[in-house]
Protein backbone atom coordinates (compact mmCIF):
# COMPACT_ATOMS: atom_id res chain seq x y z
CA MET A 1 -139.65 -7.55 -126.90
CA LEU A 2 -136.89 -8.03 -124.34
CA HIS A 3 -135.55 -11.55 -125.00
CA GLU A 4 -132.76 -12.26 -123.38
CA LYS A 5 -131.88 -8.71 -122.25
CA THR A 6 -130.85 -8.30 -118.52
CA ILE A 7 -132.94 -5.40 -116.91
CA LEU A 8 -132.46 -3.99 -113.66
CA ILE A 9 -135.85 -3.36 -111.92
CA THR A 10 -135.93 -0.90 -108.54
CA GLY A 11 -139.35 -1.02 -106.52
CA ALA A 12 -139.96 -4.38 -107.58
CA SER A 13 -141.58 -5.59 -104.63
CA SER A 14 -144.99 -4.24 -105.31
CA GLY A 15 -147.35 -2.15 -107.70
CA ILE A 16 -145.85 -1.13 -111.05
CA GLY A 17 -142.48 -2.53 -109.95
CA ALA A 18 -143.86 -5.91 -109.48
CA ALA A 19 -146.18 -5.73 -112.70
CA ALA A 20 -142.81 -4.91 -114.67
CA ALA A 21 -141.12 -7.49 -113.49
CA GLY A 22 -143.90 -10.16 -114.21
CA LEU A 23 -144.35 -8.78 -117.73
CA PHE A 24 -140.71 -8.44 -118.58
CA ALA A 25 -140.12 -11.90 -117.60
CA ALA A 26 -142.62 -13.00 -119.47
CA SER A 27 -140.77 -11.30 -122.57
CA GLY A 28 -137.66 -13.52 -122.19
CA ALA A 29 -135.58 -10.89 -119.87
CA ASN A 30 -133.40 -11.47 -117.18
CA LEU A 31 -133.81 -9.82 -114.29
CA VAL A 32 -132.27 -8.07 -111.13
CA LEU A 33 -135.19 -7.18 -108.72
CA THR A 34 -134.31 -4.98 -106.25
CA ALA A 35 -136.60 -3.22 -103.57
CA ARG A 36 -136.19 -2.66 -99.40
CA ARG A 37 -138.38 -5.59 -98.23
CA LYS A 38 -136.63 -8.89 -99.44
CA GLN A 39 -139.57 -11.27 -98.22
CA LYS A 40 -141.88 -9.38 -100.86
CA LEU A 41 -139.23 -9.75 -103.67
CA GLU A 42 -139.38 -13.66 -102.95
CA GLU A 43 -142.64 -13.67 -103.43
CA VAL A 44 -142.50 -11.65 -106.80
CA ARG A 45 -139.87 -13.92 -107.83
CA THR A 46 -142.03 -17.02 -106.66
CA SER A 47 -144.72 -15.37 -108.84
CA ILE A 48 -142.87 -15.80 -112.24
CA PRO A 49 -142.80 -18.75 -113.76
CA ASP A 50 -139.19 -20.55 -114.88
CA ALA A 51 -137.51 -17.96 -112.48
CA ALA A 52 -134.53 -20.31 -111.62
CA GLY A 53 -131.69 -18.90 -113.50
CA LYS A 54 -133.63 -15.82 -114.73
CA VAL A 55 -134.55 -13.47 -111.60
CA GLU A 56 -132.18 -12.48 -108.60
CA ILE A 57 -133.10 -10.09 -105.63
CA LEU A 58 -131.34 -8.20 -103.86
CA ALA A 59 -132.91 -6.25 -100.85
CA GLY A 60 -131.86 -2.61 -99.89
CA ASP A 61 -132.43 1.19 -99.77
CA VAL A 62 -132.14 3.08 -103.16
CA SER A 63 -130.73 6.03 -101.03
CA ASP A 64 -127.73 3.86 -99.91
CA PRO A 65 -124.73 5.08 -101.95
CA ASP A 66 -123.70 1.66 -102.05
CA PHE A 67 -126.64 -0.02 -103.01
CA ALA A 68 -126.52 1.04 -106.76
CA SER A 69 -123.21 -0.64 -107.36
CA ALA A 70 -124.07 -3.89 -105.73
CA ALA A 71 -127.29 -4.12 -107.75
CA VAL A 72 -125.42 -3.29 -111.10
CA SER A 73 -122.55 -5.73 -110.27
CA MET A 74 -125.04 -8.47 -109.51
CA ALA A 75 -126.01 -7.88 -113.05
CA VAL A 76 -122.89 -8.33 -114.17
CA GLU A 77 -121.64 -11.38 -112.13
CA LYS A 78 -125.17 -12.99 -112.83
CA PHE A 79 -125.89 -12.51 -116.00
CA GLY A 80 -122.73 -11.18 -117.76
CA GLY A 81 -123.93 -7.22 -118.08
CA LEU A 82 -126.77 -5.08 -117.73
CA ASP A 83 -128.75 -4.06 -120.98
CA GLY A 84 -131.26 -1.81 -119.44
CA ALA A 85 -132.68 -0.20 -116.30
CA PHE A 86 -136.42 0.57 -114.72
CA ASN A 87 -135.51 2.94 -111.68
CA ASN A 88 -139.07 3.00 -110.18
CA ALA A 89 -138.35 3.04 -106.51
CA GLY A 90 -139.69 6.20 -104.69
CA MET A 91 -141.91 7.39 -101.95
CA LEU A 92 -144.72 10.00 -101.73
CA GLY A 93 -143.53 11.39 -98.01
CA ASP A 94 -145.21 13.60 -95.72
CA VAL A 95 -147.79 15.68 -97.21
CA GLY A 96 -148.68 19.38 -95.86
CA PRO A 97 -147.56 22.96 -96.89
CA VAL A 98 -144.05 24.06 -97.23
CA PRO A 99 -143.66 26.37 -94.07
CA GLU A 100 -145.19 23.17 -92.09
CA MET A 101 -142.31 20.62 -93.78
CA SER A 102 -139.55 19.75 -91.93
CA LEU A 103 -135.71 19.64 -93.52
CA THR A 104 -135.62 15.65 -92.56
CA SER A 105 -138.57 15.16 -94.61
CA TRP A 106 -137.74 17.35 -97.61
CA GLN A 107 -134.38 15.40 -97.46
CA GLN A 108 -135.80 11.82 -97.48
CA VAL A 109 -138.10 12.20 -100.64
CA MET A 110 -135.30 13.57 -102.39
CA ASP A 111 -132.72 11.15 -101.46
CA THR A 112 -135.34 8.44 -102.40
CA ASN A 113 -136.94 9.75 -105.64
CA LEU A 114 -133.96 11.71 -107.02
CA THR A 115 -130.48 11.48 -105.51
CA SER A 116 -130.87 7.75 -105.85
CA ALA A 117 -131.73 8.30 -109.89
CA PHE A 118 -128.19 10.08 -109.86
CA LEU A 119 -126.61 7.03 -108.04
CA LEU A 120 -128.14 4.62 -110.31
CA ALA A 121 -127.62 6.04 -113.55
CA LYS A 122 -124.06 6.80 -112.29
CA HIS A 123 -123.29 2.80 -111.96
CA GLN A 124 -125.86 1.86 -114.78
CA ILE A 125 -124.21 4.03 -117.43
CA PRO A 126 -120.89 2.55 -117.77
CA ALA A 127 -122.48 -1.04 -117.44
CA LEU A 128 -124.49 -0.19 -120.17
CA LYS A 129 -121.74 1.14 -122.20
CA THR A 130 -119.92 -2.07 -121.98
CA ARG A 131 -122.60 -3.60 -123.86
CA GLY A 132 -122.72 -1.22 -126.41
CA GLY A 133 -125.50 0.64 -125.60
CA GLY A 134 -129.10 0.19 -123.63
CA ALA A 135 -131.97 2.39 -122.09
CA ILE A 136 -132.80 3.67 -118.76
CA VAL A 137 -136.28 4.25 -117.73
CA PHE A 138 -137.01 6.51 -114.73
CA THR A 139 -140.60 6.89 -113.09
CA SER A 140 -141.43 10.62 -112.92
CA SER A 141 -145.30 12.02 -112.09
CA PHE A 142 -147.56 14.11 -113.66
CA VAL A 143 -147.28 15.76 -110.27
CA GLY A 144 -144.58 18.31 -110.77
CA HIS A 145 -145.02 18.34 -114.70
CA THR A 146 -148.13 18.99 -115.66
CA ILE A 147 -150.04 19.88 -112.63
CA GLY A 148 -149.66 20.54 -108.78
CA LEU A 149 -151.19 19.26 -106.06
CA PRO A 150 -151.16 20.86 -102.70
CA GLY A 151 -149.06 19.24 -99.86
CA MET A 152 -146.92 17.76 -102.35
CA ALA A 153 -144.12 20.27 -102.88
CA ALA A 154 -141.52 17.63 -102.08
CA TYR A 155 -142.66 14.81 -104.43
CA ALA A 156 -143.36 17.12 -107.66
CA ALA A 157 -139.83 18.90 -107.24
CA SER A 158 -138.38 15.30 -106.93
CA LYS A 159 -140.24 13.98 -109.83
CA ALA A 160 -139.84 17.22 -111.49
CA GLY A 161 -135.88 16.62 -111.17
CA LEU A 162 -136.19 13.22 -112.83
CA VAL A 163 -137.08 15.02 -115.94
CA GLY A 164 -134.20 17.05 -116.03
CA LEU A 165 -132.05 14.52 -115.23
CA THR A 166 -133.41 12.29 -117.92
CA GLN A 167 -132.77 15.31 -120.42
CA VAL A 168 -129.34 15.79 -119.87
CA LEU A 169 -128.32 12.23 -119.43
CA GLY A 170 -130.09 11.51 -122.86
CA VAL A 171 -127.87 14.18 -124.41
CA GLU A 172 -124.60 13.31 -123.11
CA HIS A 173 -124.96 9.57 -123.79
CA GLY A 174 -126.92 9.47 -127.00
CA PRO A 175 -123.74 8.78 -128.74
CA ASP A 176 -122.74 6.29 -126.51
CA ASN A 177 -126.08 4.37 -127.82
CA ILE A 178 -127.73 4.73 -124.56
CA ARG A 179 -131.46 6.09 -124.05
CA VAL A 180 -132.81 7.72 -121.00
CA ASN A 181 -136.44 8.51 -120.67
CA ALA A 182 -138.80 9.48 -118.09
CA LEU A 183 -142.19 8.01 -117.47
CA LEU A 184 -145.11 9.63 -116.26
CA PRO A 185 -147.86 7.50 -114.79
CA GLY A 186 -151.23 9.15 -113.80
CA GLY A 187 -153.13 7.44 -110.72
CA THR A 188 -152.53 4.12 -110.09
CA ARG A 189 -153.80 1.44 -108.11
CA THR A 190 -150.50 0.59 -106.25
CA GLU A 191 -149.70 0.48 -102.34
CA MET A 192 -148.96 4.54 -102.36
CA ALA A 193 -152.80 4.96 -103.33
CA GLY A 194 -154.33 3.48 -100.26
CA ASP A 195 -157.75 1.46 -100.32
CA ASP A 196 -160.18 3.95 -99.86
CA PRO A 197 -162.86 3.89 -102.64
CA ALA A 198 -163.88 7.17 -102.00
CA PHE A 199 -160.25 8.38 -102.79
CA HIS A 200 -159.97 6.38 -105.85
CA ASP A 201 -163.21 7.71 -107.10
CA TYR A 202 -162.24 10.92 -106.50
CA VAL A 203 -158.39 10.43 -108.36
CA ALA A 204 -160.23 8.45 -111.28
CA GLY A 205 -162.57 11.76 -112.11
CA LEU A 206 -159.31 13.83 -112.48
CA HIS A 207 -158.67 11.66 -115.45
CA ALA A 208 -160.06 11.82 -118.98
CA LEU A 209 -160.63 7.89 -118.99
CA LYS A 210 -162.65 8.74 -115.76
CA ARG A 211 -160.50 5.52 -113.85
CA MET A 212 -157.05 4.77 -112.34
CA ALA A 213 -154.46 2.57 -114.16
CA LYS A 214 -153.65 -0.67 -113.69
CA PRO A 215 -150.02 -1.33 -112.75
CA GLU A 216 -149.72 -3.73 -115.53
CA GLU A 217 -150.62 -0.73 -118.01
CA ILE A 218 -147.63 1.46 -116.58
CA ALA A 219 -145.31 -1.39 -117.06
CA ASN A 220 -146.13 -1.78 -120.53
CA ALA A 221 -145.24 1.64 -121.10
CA ALA A 222 -141.68 0.90 -119.34
CA MET A 223 -141.43 -2.06 -121.57
CA PHE A 224 -141.79 -0.05 -124.87
CA LEU A 225 -139.23 2.73 -123.82
CA LEU A 226 -136.80 -0.28 -122.56
CA SER A 227 -136.96 -2.21 -125.57
CA ASP A 228 -136.12 -1.97 -129.31
CA ALA A 229 -139.68 -0.93 -130.16
CA GLY A 230 -138.66 2.41 -128.30
CA SER A 231 -135.17 3.09 -130.58
CA PHE A 232 -136.03 6.55 -131.40
CA VAL A 233 -137.33 7.82 -128.18
CA THR A 234 -134.70 9.43 -125.89
CA GLY A 235 -134.70 12.40 -123.73
CA SER A 236 -138.64 12.21 -123.10
CA ALA A 237 -141.13 12.79 -120.54
CA MET A 238 -143.55 10.29 -121.86
CA LEU A 239 -146.93 10.71 -119.90
CA CYS A 240 -149.30 7.43 -119.59
CA ASP A 241 -151.65 9.30 -117.46
CA GLY A 242 -154.89 8.30 -118.91
CA GLY A 243 -155.56 12.21 -119.98
CA ASN A 244 -154.97 13.68 -116.57
CA SER A 245 -152.82 16.26 -118.31
CA ILE A 246 -156.16 17.49 -120.31
CA THR A 247 -158.89 17.04 -117.96
CA LYS A 248 -159.65 20.43 -116.08
CA ALA A 249 -163.39 19.47 -114.87
């Protein structure tokens, strides 16, 4: 589905991003993998068969204004251009009620989850235009879209903001043959979800399927949106939430 396409993945050192790296590579893509933890990125690259010449890594912070430019430049220099981006990096941040939340905590979540998306798109879109089009996928969330969870105001606001950004970019760059979508996973078994079985059971019960997602299931949805299989999908907030949004009991 992604044969010979060059895809940039942020947040690729674990969870959904790492799963996407393996899946996209198996589909024939060239990859630029980015995250803060260089050693973890190395481990992901090592786990991919025949990665030599097909997988590049770049360690850095997506909230750094220079990072997006460097990541796109790597794709152009190593593989001749950019065909798609899975902007997946994010953080939960401090959990607690708004009156007790510090501005520093709020801003950190916004910088990592939302401002980074603006910076990435700002540099990715010109590169995609040079290729004659492409696709961008942002990892948003059902939190802030179909439900609100207590204590998660910053996370919810940042993820909801991604949906608005997605819609505007989809309209602005549809004529450039660039599709932009937000992917809204449900509860997924990643580092962010922790390792408490009781918590996992609680989260599973919030979903119609009564389980949490495997990272690979979310990665499959991202590949659909990035590939030609999703060629008429743009500006969407696509739920991949195991029925969380329809479950009230």
